[in-house]
Amino acid sequence: MANTDGAETPVSALKAEERNELHQELPLDHADPLFRALHRVIRFAIRILAVLMVAVILWGVADVVYIIYERLWIAPVFLLNINDIFYTFGAFMAVLIAVEIFINIRLYLGTNVFPVQLVVATALMAIARKVIVLDFDTLTPMYLLGIAATTLALGITYWLLRQGNRSPKWSD
C-alpha cells in the first residue's frame, strides 16, 4: 500500500483499520506462522458456528409452526389453553434467543469490539424466557430466588451499560 510520499508500506506496519482487519484479537498477519494458521482456523470455526446457528433458527421456526399446528388440532379444535400459550411463547423466545446469538457471532466476526451490551441483552432475553415458562407447581423457593437475583443482576448490568454509553467521554 502506498503512503503519502508514494513509498510502499508493508501490510504488517499498517494499523488494523487500514488493513481492513476487524478482529484484532485474531490478526491474520501475526509474526508467528503457527498463530496465523490457528487464527485462520478459529475464524473458520466461528463461521461454521454462524451457519449452524442459522440452521438452528430455521429448525426452531419449523418447531414453532409445528407446535402451533399440533396445539390447534387437538380437541377442542382451534382453542388453546394457558399451558399451550406459554409453551408456544417459550418456543418463540427460544428462536429469538437464537437470532440474538447469531447477531453476537456476526458482530464478533465483524468488529473489533466485543458486544457486551448485546450479550447481556441476550442473557436477559434468555432469563425472560425462563420466567415465562416457569412451572410454579415444581419450583422451590431457592430456585425462584436465584431466578430473581439473576434477573435483577442482568437488569442492573444492562442499565449500567446503557448509562455508560450515554455519558460524555473523557478527553485527555
N, C-alpha and C. Protein backbone atom coordinates (compact mmCIF):
# COMPACT_ATOMS: atom_id res chain seq x y z
N MET A 1 0.84 -1.17 0.00
CA MET A 1 0.00 0.00 0.00
C MET A 1 0.89 1.23 0.00
N ALA A 2 0.54 2.22 -0.79
CA ALA A 2 1.36 3.42 -0.90
C ALA A 2 0.99 4.40 0.20
N ASN A 3 2.03 5.02 0.80
CA ASN A 3 1.75 6.04 1.81
C ASN A 3 1.78 7.41 1.15
N THR A 4 1.80 8.48 1.95
CA THR A 4 1.66 9.83 1.39
C THR A 4 2.82 10.24 0.51
N ASP A 5 4.01 9.67 0.74
CA ASP A 5 5.14 10.06 -0.10
C ASP A 5 5.33 9.12 -1.29
N GLY A 6 4.40 8.20 -1.51
CA GLY A 6 4.43 7.32 -2.67
C GLY A 6 5.15 6.00 -2.41
N ALA A 7 5.83 5.85 -1.28
CA ALA A 7 6.55 4.61 -0.98
C ALA A 7 5.56 3.55 -0.48
N GLU A 8 5.88 2.31 -0.73
CA GLU A 8 5.04 1.20 -0.30
C GLU A 8 5.25 0.93 1.19
N THR A 9 4.16 0.73 1.92
CA THR A 9 4.21 0.40 3.33
C THR A 9 3.89 -1.07 3.48
N PRO A 10 4.71 -1.84 4.23
CA PRO A 10 4.39 -3.25 4.42
C PRO A 10 3.06 -3.41 5.15
N VAL A 11 2.32 -4.46 4.80
CA VAL A 11 1.00 -4.69 5.37
C VAL A 11 1.08 -4.80 6.88
N SER A 12 2.12 -5.43 7.41
CA SER A 12 2.23 -5.62 8.85
C SER A 12 2.42 -4.30 9.59
N ALA A 13 2.89 -3.25 8.91
CA ALA A 13 3.12 -1.96 9.55
C ALA A 13 1.85 -1.11 9.60
N LEU A 14 0.83 -1.50 8.88
CA LEU A 14 -0.41 -0.73 8.86
C LEU A 14 -1.21 -0.98 10.12
N LYS A 15 -2.01 -0.01 10.52
CA LYS A 15 -2.93 -0.19 11.63
C LYS A 15 -4.02 -1.17 11.22
N ALA A 16 -4.68 -1.75 12.21
CA ALA A 16 -5.72 -2.75 11.94
C ALA A 16 -6.80 -2.20 11.03
N GLU A 17 -7.20 -0.93 11.27
CA GLU A 17 -8.26 -0.34 10.45
C GLU A 17 -7.81 -0.17 9.00
N GLU A 18 -6.53 0.15 8.80
CA GLU A 18 -6.02 0.35 7.45
C GLU A 18 -5.89 -0.97 6.70
N ARG A 19 -5.73 -2.07 7.44
CA ARG A 19 -5.61 -3.39 6.82
C ARG A 19 -6.98 -4.01 6.58
N ASN A 20 -8.05 -3.28 6.94
CA ASN A 20 -9.41 -3.82 6.88
C ASN A 20 -9.53 -5.06 7.76
N GLU A 21 -8.77 -5.08 8.84
CA GLU A 21 -8.83 -6.18 9.78
C GLU A 21 -9.73 -5.76 10.92
N LEU A 22 -10.84 -6.44 11.06
CA LEU A 22 -11.82 -6.01 12.03
C LEU A 22 -11.59 -6.64 13.40
N HIS A 23 -11.09 -7.84 13.44
CA HIS A 23 -10.94 -8.52 14.72
C HIS A 23 -9.47 -8.58 15.10
N GLN A 24 -9.04 -7.64 15.95
CA GLN A 24 -7.63 -7.52 16.29
C GLN A 24 -7.13 -8.64 17.17
N GLU A 25 -8.03 -9.35 17.88
CA GLU A 25 -7.58 -10.45 18.72
C GLU A 25 -7.12 -11.65 17.90
N LEU A 26 -7.56 -11.74 16.66
CA LEU A 26 -7.18 -12.84 15.78
C LEU A 26 -6.54 -12.30 14.50
N PRO A 27 -5.41 -11.61 14.61
CA PRO A 27 -4.82 -11.00 13.42
C PRO A 27 -4.32 -12.04 12.43
N LEU A 28 -4.55 -11.76 11.15
CA LEU A 28 -4.11 -12.68 10.10
C LEU A 28 -2.65 -12.45 9.71
N ASP A 29 -2.01 -11.42 10.27
CA ASP A 29 -0.62 -11.16 9.94
C ASP A 29 0.28 -11.27 11.17
N HIS A 30 -0.07 -12.18 12.09
CA HIS A 30 0.73 -12.39 13.30
C HIS A 30 2.15 -12.79 12.90
N ALA A 31 3.11 -12.40 13.70
CA ALA A 31 4.52 -12.69 13.39
C ALA A 31 4.80 -14.19 13.34
N ASP A 32 4.16 -14.95 14.17
CA ASP A 32 4.38 -16.39 14.22
C ASP A 32 3.45 -17.09 13.22
N PRO A 33 4.00 -17.86 12.28
CA PRO A 33 3.16 -18.53 11.27
C PRO A 33 2.17 -19.52 11.89
N LEU A 34 2.55 -20.14 13.00
CA LEU A 34 1.64 -21.08 13.66
C LEU A 34 0.40 -20.34 14.14
N PHE A 35 0.59 -19.17 14.77
CA PHE A 35 -0.56 -18.41 15.25
C PHE A 35 -1.39 -17.85 14.10
N ARG A 36 -0.75 -17.48 13.00
CA ARG A 36 -1.53 -17.05 11.82
C ARG A 36 -2.45 -18.16 11.37
N ALA A 37 -1.90 -19.38 11.29
CA ALA A 37 -2.71 -20.53 10.87
C ALA A 37 -3.82 -20.82 11.88
N LEU A 38 -3.50 -20.75 13.16
CA LEU A 38 -4.50 -21.01 14.19
C LEU A 38 -5.60 -19.96 14.17
N HIS A 39 -5.24 -18.70 13.93
CA HIS A 39 -6.23 -17.64 13.84
C HIS A 39 -7.18 -17.88 12.67
N ARG A 40 -6.63 -18.35 11.56
CA ARG A 40 -7.49 -18.67 10.41
C ARG A 40 -8.45 -19.81 10.74
N VAL A 41 -7.95 -20.82 11.45
CA VAL A 41 -8.79 -21.95 11.84
C VAL A 41 -9.91 -21.48 12.75
N ILE A 42 -9.59 -20.61 13.72
CA ILE A 42 -10.61 -20.12 14.65
C ILE A 42 -11.64 -19.28 13.90
N ARG A 43 -11.21 -18.42 13.00
CA ARG A 43 -12.15 -17.62 12.22
C ARG A 43 -13.07 -18.53 11.39
N PHE A 44 -12.50 -19.59 10.82
CA PHE A 44 -13.31 -20.54 10.05
C PHE A 44 -14.31 -21.25 10.96
N ALA A 45 -13.87 -21.63 12.16
CA ALA A 45 -14.76 -22.31 13.11
C ALA A 45 -15.92 -21.39 13.50
N ILE A 46 -15.65 -20.11 13.68
CA ILE A 46 -16.71 -19.17 14.03
C ILE A 46 -17.70 -19.04 12.88
N ARG A 47 -17.21 -19.07 11.66
CA ARG A 47 -18.12 -19.03 10.51
C ARG A 47 -19.00 -20.28 10.46
N ILE A 48 -18.42 -21.42 10.80
CA ILE A 48 -19.22 -22.66 10.86
C ILE A 48 -20.30 -22.52 11.93
N LEU A 49 -19.93 -21.95 13.09
CA LEU A 49 -20.93 -21.72 14.14
C LEU A 49 -22.07 -20.83 13.65
N ALA A 50 -21.73 -19.81 12.86
CA ALA A 50 -22.76 -18.92 12.32
C ALA A 50 -23.72 -19.69 11.41
N VAL A 51 -23.17 -20.54 10.55
CA VAL A 51 -24.01 -21.34 9.64
C VAL A 51 -24.89 -22.29 10.46
N LEU A 52 -24.30 -22.94 11.46
CA LEU A 52 -25.08 -23.85 12.30
C LEU A 52 -26.18 -23.11 13.06
N MET A 53 -25.88 -21.88 13.50
CA MET A 53 -26.89 -21.11 14.22
C MET A 53 -28.07 -20.77 13.30
N VAL A 54 -27.80 -20.48 12.04
CA VAL A 54 -28.88 -20.24 11.09
C VAL A 54 -29.72 -21.51 10.93
N ALA A 55 -29.07 -22.67 10.89
CA ALA A 55 -29.80 -23.93 10.79
C ALA A 55 -30.68 -24.13 12.04
N VAL A 56 -30.15 -23.79 13.22
CA VAL A 56 -30.93 -23.91 14.45
C VAL A 56 -32.12 -22.95 14.42
N ILE A 57 -31.92 -21.75 13.91
CA ILE A 57 -33.02 -20.78 13.81
C ILE A 57 -34.12 -21.32 12.91
N LEU A 58 -33.74 -21.83 11.75
CA LEU A 58 -34.74 -22.38 10.83
C LEU A 58 -35.45 -23.58 11.44
N TRP A 59 -34.71 -24.43 12.13
CA TRP A 59 -35.30 -25.58 12.80
C TRP A 59 -36.26 -25.10 13.89
N GLY A 60 -35.88 -24.06 14.61
CA GLY A 60 -36.74 -23.50 15.65
C GLY A 60 -38.02 -22.93 15.08
N VAL A 61 -37.93 -22.24 13.95
CA VAL A 61 -39.14 -21.70 13.31
C VAL A 61 -40.05 -22.85 12.88
N ALA A 62 -39.48 -23.90 12.31
CA ALA A 62 -40.28 -25.06 11.94
C ALA A 62 -40.94 -25.68 13.17
N ASP A 63 -40.22 -25.70 14.28
CA ASP A 63 -40.77 -26.24 15.53
C ASP A 63 -41.94 -25.38 16.02
N VAL A 64 -41.81 -24.07 15.95
CA VAL A 64 -42.90 -23.18 16.36
C VAL A 64 -44.14 -23.44 15.50
N VAL A 65 -43.94 -23.54 14.20
CA VAL A 65 -45.07 -23.82 13.29
C VAL A 65 -45.71 -25.15 13.65
N TYR A 66 -44.89 -26.16 13.91
CA TYR A 66 -45.41 -27.48 14.27
C TYR A 66 -46.18 -27.43 15.59
N ILE A 67 -45.63 -26.72 16.58
CA ILE A 67 -46.29 -26.62 17.89
C ILE A 67 -47.66 -25.97 17.74
N ILE A 68 -47.71 -24.87 17.00
CA ILE A 68 -49.00 -24.18 16.82
C ILE A 68 -49.98 -25.09 16.07
N TYR A 69 -49.51 -25.73 15.01
CA TYR A 69 -50.37 -26.64 14.25
C TYR A 69 -50.89 -27.77 15.14
N GLU A 70 -49.98 -28.39 15.89
CA GLU A 70 -50.36 -29.51 16.75
C GLU A 70 -51.36 -29.09 17.82
N ARG A 71 -51.11 -27.96 18.47
CA ARG A 71 -51.98 -27.50 19.56
C ARG A 71 -53.37 -27.08 19.04
N LEU A 72 -53.41 -26.54 17.83
CA LEU A 72 -54.70 -26.09 17.30
C LEU A 72 -55.58 -27.24 16.83
N TRP A 73 -55.01 -28.40 16.52
CA TRP A 73 -55.80 -29.51 16.00
C TRP A 73 -56.16 -30.55 17.06
N ILE A 74 -55.71 -30.30 18.31
CA ILE A 74 -56.12 -31.17 19.41
C ILE A 74 -57.47 -30.67 19.90
N ALA A 75 -58.38 -31.61 20.22
CA ALA A 75 -59.72 -31.21 20.68
C ALA A 75 -59.60 -30.46 22.00
N PRO A 76 -60.33 -29.41 22.18
CA PRO A 76 -61.22 -28.72 21.25
C PRO A 76 -60.41 -27.97 20.19
N VAL A 77 -60.81 -28.14 18.96
CA VAL A 77 -60.09 -27.60 17.82
C VAL A 77 -60.10 -26.07 17.83
N PHE A 78 -58.98 -25.48 17.47
CA PHE A 78 -58.78 -24.02 17.40
C PHE A 78 -58.88 -23.30 18.74
N LEU A 79 -58.69 -24.04 19.81
CA LEU A 79 -58.66 -23.42 21.14
C LEU A 79 -57.35 -23.77 21.83
N LEU A 80 -56.77 -22.81 22.46
CA LEU A 80 -55.52 -23.03 23.20
C LEU A 80 -55.79 -22.75 24.68
N ASN A 81 -55.29 -23.64 25.54
CA ASN A 81 -55.37 -23.33 26.96
C ASN A 81 -54.12 -22.54 27.37
N ILE A 82 -54.07 -22.12 28.59
CA ILE A 82 -52.98 -21.25 29.03
C ILE A 82 -51.62 -21.96 28.94
N ASN A 83 -51.58 -23.26 29.21
CA ASN A 83 -50.32 -24.00 29.10
C ASN A 83 -49.84 -24.05 27.65
N ASP A 84 -50.77 -24.21 26.70
CA ASP A 84 -50.41 -24.20 25.29
C ASP A 84 -49.82 -22.86 24.88
N ILE A 85 -50.42 -21.79 25.38
CA ILE A 85 -49.93 -20.44 25.04
C ILE A 85 -48.53 -20.23 25.61
N PHE A 86 -48.30 -20.62 26.87
CA PHE A 86 -46.98 -20.46 27.46
C PHE A 86 -45.94 -21.33 26.75
N TYR A 87 -46.33 -22.53 26.36
CA TYR A 87 -45.42 -23.42 25.63
C TYR A 87 -45.04 -22.78 24.28
N THR A 88 -46.03 -22.19 23.61
CA THR A 88 -45.78 -21.51 22.33
C THR A 88 -44.89 -20.29 22.54
N PHE A 89 -45.14 -19.50 23.59
CA PHE A 89 -44.29 -18.36 23.91
C PHE A 89 -42.84 -18.80 24.13
N GLY A 90 -42.68 -19.89 24.84
CA GLY A 90 -41.33 -20.41 25.09
C GLY A 90 -40.62 -20.78 23.80
N ALA A 91 -41.35 -21.40 22.87
CA ALA A 91 -40.74 -21.75 21.59
C ALA A 91 -40.37 -20.51 20.79
N PHE A 92 -41.24 -19.48 20.80
CA PHE A 92 -40.93 -18.21 20.14
C PHE A 92 -39.68 -17.58 20.73
N MET A 93 -39.63 -17.53 22.04
CA MET A 93 -38.49 -16.91 22.72
C MET A 93 -37.19 -17.66 22.42
N ALA A 94 -37.26 -18.98 22.33
CA ALA A 94 -36.06 -19.75 22.01
C ALA A 94 -35.52 -19.37 20.63
N VAL A 95 -36.41 -19.17 19.67
CA VAL A 95 -35.98 -18.75 18.33
C VAL A 95 -35.39 -17.35 18.38
N LEU A 96 -36.02 -16.45 19.12
CA LEU A 96 -35.50 -15.08 19.23
C LEU A 96 -34.14 -15.05 19.91
N ILE A 97 -33.93 -15.92 20.90
CA ILE A 97 -32.62 -16.01 21.55
C ILE A 97 -31.58 -16.52 20.55
N ALA A 98 -31.96 -17.49 19.74
CA ALA A 98 -31.03 -17.99 18.72
C ALA A 98 -30.66 -16.89 17.73
N VAL A 99 -31.62 -16.04 17.38
CA VAL A 99 -31.33 -14.91 16.48
C VAL A 99 -30.34 -13.96 17.15
N GLU A 100 -30.54 -13.68 18.43
CA GLU A 100 -29.61 -12.81 19.16
C GLU A 100 -28.21 -13.41 19.22
N ILE A 101 -28.12 -14.71 19.41
CA ILE A 101 -26.81 -15.37 19.43
C ILE A 101 -26.15 -15.27 18.07
N PHE A 102 -26.94 -15.42 17.00
CA PHE A 102 -26.38 -15.26 15.65
C PHE A 102 -25.83 -13.84 15.47
N ILE A 103 -26.58 -12.84 15.94
CA ILE A 103 -26.11 -11.46 15.84
C ILE A 103 -24.82 -11.28 16.63
N ASN A 104 -24.73 -11.92 17.81
CA ASN A 104 -23.49 -11.87 18.58
C ASN A 104 -22.32 -12.44 17.79
N ILE A 105 -22.55 -13.57 17.13
CA ILE A 105 -21.49 -14.20 16.33
C ILE A 105 -21.08 -13.28 15.19
N ARG A 106 -22.08 -12.71 14.50
CA ARG A 106 -21.78 -11.82 13.38
C ARG A 106 -21.01 -10.59 13.84
N LEU A 107 -21.41 -10.01 14.95
CA LEU A 107 -20.67 -8.86 15.47
C LEU A 107 -19.28 -9.25 15.93
N TYR A 108 -19.14 -10.43 16.48
CA TYR A 108 -17.83 -10.89 16.92
C TYR A 108 -16.87 -10.98 15.73
N LEU A 109 -17.39 -11.46 14.61
CA LEU A 109 -16.56 -11.56 13.40
C LEU A 109 -16.38 -10.20 12.71
N GLY A 110 -17.37 -9.33 12.82
CA GLY A 110 -17.39 -8.13 12.01
C GLY A 110 -16.84 -6.88 12.64
N THR A 111 -16.50 -6.92 13.93
CA THR A 111 -15.97 -5.72 14.57
C THR A 111 -14.81 -6.09 15.47
N ASN A 112 -14.09 -5.09 15.92
CA ASN A 112 -13.00 -5.36 16.86
C ASN A 112 -13.45 -5.08 18.29
N VAL A 113 -14.74 -4.92 18.49
CA VAL A 113 -15.30 -4.64 19.81
C VAL A 113 -16.17 -5.82 20.22
N PHE A 114 -15.98 -6.31 21.44
CA PHE A 114 -16.82 -7.37 21.96
C PHE A 114 -18.16 -6.75 22.37
N PRO A 115 -19.28 -7.20 21.83
CA PRO A 115 -20.58 -6.56 22.07
C PRO A 115 -21.17 -6.93 23.43
N VAL A 116 -20.60 -6.38 24.51
CA VAL A 116 -21.01 -6.73 25.86
C VAL A 116 -22.49 -6.43 26.09
N GLN A 117 -22.94 -5.27 25.65
CA GLN A 117 -24.34 -4.89 25.87
C GLN A 117 -25.27 -5.88 25.18
N LEU A 118 -24.93 -6.32 23.99
CA LEU A 118 -25.77 -7.28 23.27
C LEU A 118 -25.76 -8.64 23.96
N VAL A 119 -24.61 -9.04 24.48
CA VAL A 119 -24.53 -10.31 25.20
C VAL A 119 -25.40 -10.27 26.46
N VAL A 120 -25.36 -9.16 27.18
CA VAL A 120 -26.19 -9.02 28.39
C VAL A 120 -27.68 -8.99 27.99
N ALA A 121 -28.00 -8.31 26.90
CA ALA A 121 -29.39 -8.28 26.42
C ALA A 121 -29.86 -9.68 26.04
N THR A 122 -28.98 -10.47 25.43
CA THR A 122 -29.32 -11.85 25.08
C THR A 122 -29.57 -12.67 26.33
N ALA A 123 -28.73 -12.47 27.35
CA ALA A 123 -28.92 -13.19 28.61
C ALA A 123 -30.22 -12.77 29.28
N LEU A 124 -30.56 -11.49 29.19
CA LEU A 124 -31.84 -11.02 29.73
C LEU A 124 -33.01 -11.69 29.01
N MET A 125 -32.89 -11.81 27.70
CA MET A 125 -33.96 -12.46 26.94
C MET A 125 -34.07 -13.93 27.34
N ALA A 126 -32.94 -14.58 27.56
CA ALA A 126 -32.96 -15.99 27.95
C ALA A 126 -33.60 -16.16 29.32
N ILE A 127 -33.28 -15.27 30.26
CA ILE A 127 -33.88 -15.38 31.59
C ILE A 127 -35.36 -15.02 31.53
N ALA A 128 -35.73 -14.10 30.65
CA ALA A 128 -37.15 -13.77 30.47
C ALA A 128 -37.90 -14.98 29.94
N ARG A 129 -37.30 -15.71 29.02
CA ARG A 129 -37.92 -16.93 28.50
C ARG A 129 -38.13 -17.91 29.63
N LYS A 130 -37.12 -18.04 30.48
CA LYS A 130 -37.22 -18.97 31.62
C LYS A 130 -38.36 -18.56 32.54
N VAL A 131 -38.50 -17.26 32.79
CA VAL A 131 -39.57 -16.78 33.67
C VAL A 131 -40.93 -17.04 33.04
N ILE A 132 -41.04 -16.85 31.73
CA ILE A 132 -42.32 -17.04 31.05
C ILE A 132 -42.79 -18.49 31.15
N VAL A 133 -41.86 -19.44 31.07
CA VAL A 133 -42.26 -20.85 31.04
C VAL A 133 -42.09 -21.54 32.39
N LEU A 134 -41.92 -20.78 33.47
CA LEU A 134 -41.77 -21.39 34.79
C LEU A 134 -42.99 -22.22 35.15
N ASP A 135 -42.73 -23.37 35.72
CA ASP A 135 -43.80 -24.22 36.23
C ASP A 135 -43.84 -24.04 37.74
N PHE A 136 -44.76 -23.22 38.20
CA PHE A 136 -44.80 -22.85 39.61
C PHE A 136 -45.16 -24.02 40.52
N ASP A 137 -45.66 -25.11 39.97
CA ASP A 137 -46.00 -26.27 40.80
C ASP A 137 -44.76 -27.03 41.25
N THR A 138 -43.66 -26.90 40.49
CA THR A 138 -42.45 -27.68 40.81
C THR A 138 -41.30 -26.81 41.31
N LEU A 139 -41.54 -25.53 41.53
CA LEU A 139 -40.47 -24.62 41.94
C LEU A 139 -40.17 -24.72 43.44
N THR A 140 -38.90 -24.59 43.76
CA THR A 140 -38.52 -24.42 45.16
C THR A 140 -38.28 -22.93 45.40
N PRO A 141 -38.43 -22.48 46.61
CA PRO A 141 -38.20 -21.06 46.88
C PRO A 141 -36.77 -20.61 46.52
N MET A 142 -35.79 -21.46 46.75
CA MET A 142 -34.41 -21.08 46.41
C MET A 142 -34.21 -20.92 44.91
N TYR A 143 -34.85 -21.76 44.13
CA TYR A 143 -34.77 -21.66 42.67
C TYR A 143 -35.38 -20.34 42.20
N LEU A 144 -36.53 -20.01 42.74
CA LEU A 144 -37.20 -18.77 42.38
C LEU A 144 -36.37 -17.56 42.81
N LEU A 145 -35.75 -17.65 43.98
CA LEU A 145 -34.88 -16.57 44.45
C LEU A 145 -33.66 -16.42 43.53
N GLY A 146 -33.12 -17.54 43.08
CA GLY A 146 -31.99 -17.50 42.15
C GLY A 146 -32.36 -16.86 40.82
N ILE A 147 -33.52 -17.20 40.29
CA ILE A 147 -34.01 -16.59 39.04
C ILE A 147 -34.20 -15.08 39.24
N ALA A 148 -34.77 -14.70 40.38
CA ALA A 148 -34.99 -13.28 40.66
C ALA A 148 -33.67 -12.53 40.77
N ALA A 149 -32.70 -13.11 41.46
CA ALA A 149 -31.40 -12.47 41.63
C ALA A 149 -30.68 -12.33 40.28
N THR A 150 -30.77 -13.36 39.46
CA THR A 150 -30.14 -13.32 38.14
C THR A 150 -30.78 -12.24 37.27
N THR A 151 -32.11 -12.20 37.30
CA THR A 151 -32.83 -11.19 36.51
C THR A 151 -32.47 -9.78 36.97
N LEU A 152 -32.44 -9.57 38.27
CA LEU A 152 -32.09 -8.26 38.82
C LEU A 152 -30.65 -7.88 38.45
N ALA A 153 -29.72 -8.81 38.61
CA ALA A 153 -28.32 -8.53 38.28
C ALA A 153 -28.14 -8.20 36.80
N LEU A 154 -28.78 -8.96 35.93
CA LEU A 154 -28.68 -8.69 34.50
C LEU A 154 -29.34 -7.36 34.14
N GLY A 155 -30.49 -7.08 34.76
CA GLY A 155 -31.17 -5.80 34.50
C GLY A 155 -30.32 -4.62 34.92
N ILE A 156 -29.72 -4.70 36.08
CA ILE A 156 -28.85 -3.60 36.55
C ILE A 156 -27.63 -3.47 35.64
N THR A 157 -27.04 -4.60 35.26
CA THR A 157 -25.88 -4.57 34.37
C THR A 157 -26.23 -3.92 33.04
N TYR A 158 -27.37 -4.31 32.47
CA TYR A 158 -27.78 -3.73 31.20
C TYR A 158 -28.01 -2.23 31.33
N TRP A 159 -28.67 -1.83 32.42
CA TRP A 159 -28.93 -0.40 32.65
C TRP A 159 -27.61 0.36 32.79
N LEU A 160 -26.66 -0.20 33.54
CA LEU A 160 -25.36 0.46 33.71
C LEU A 160 -24.62 0.57 32.38
N LEU A 161 -24.69 -0.47 31.57
CA LEU A 161 -24.04 -0.41 30.26
C LEU A 161 -24.68 0.66 29.39
N ARG A 162 -26.00 0.77 29.44
CA ARG A 162 -26.69 1.80 28.66
C ARG A 162 -26.32 3.20 29.16
N GLN A 163 -26.23 3.36 30.45
CA GLN A 163 -25.85 4.66 31.01
C GLN A 163 -24.41 5.01 30.63
N GLY A 164 -23.54 4.02 30.62
CA GLY A 164 -22.14 4.24 30.25
C GLY A 164 -21.99 4.68 28.81
N ASN A 165 -22.87 4.18 27.93
CA ASN A 165 -22.82 4.57 26.52
C ASN A 165 -23.30 5.99 26.30
N ARG A 166 -24.11 6.52 27.23
CA ARG A 166 -24.65 7.87 27.08
C ARG A 166 -23.76 8.94 27.71
N SER A 167 -22.88 8.51 28.63
CA SER A 167 -22.07 9.51 29.34
C SER A 167 -21.02 10.10 28.42
N PRO A 168 -20.67 11.37 28.66
CA PRO A 168 -19.65 12.01 27.81
C PRO A 168 -18.29 11.35 28.04
N LYS A 169 -17.54 11.24 26.97
CA LYS A 169 -16.22 10.63 27.04
C LYS A 169 -15.21 11.63 27.61
N TRP A 170 -14.30 11.11 28.43
CA TRP A 170 -13.24 11.95 28.99
C TRP A 170 -12.21 12.22 27.92
N SER A 171 -11.72 13.42 27.88
CA SER A 171 -10.66 13.72 26.92
C SER A 171 -9.41 14.14 27.69
N ASP A 172 -8.31 13.56 27.30
CA ASP A 172 -7.03 13.89 27.97
C ASP A 172 -6.22 14.83 27.12
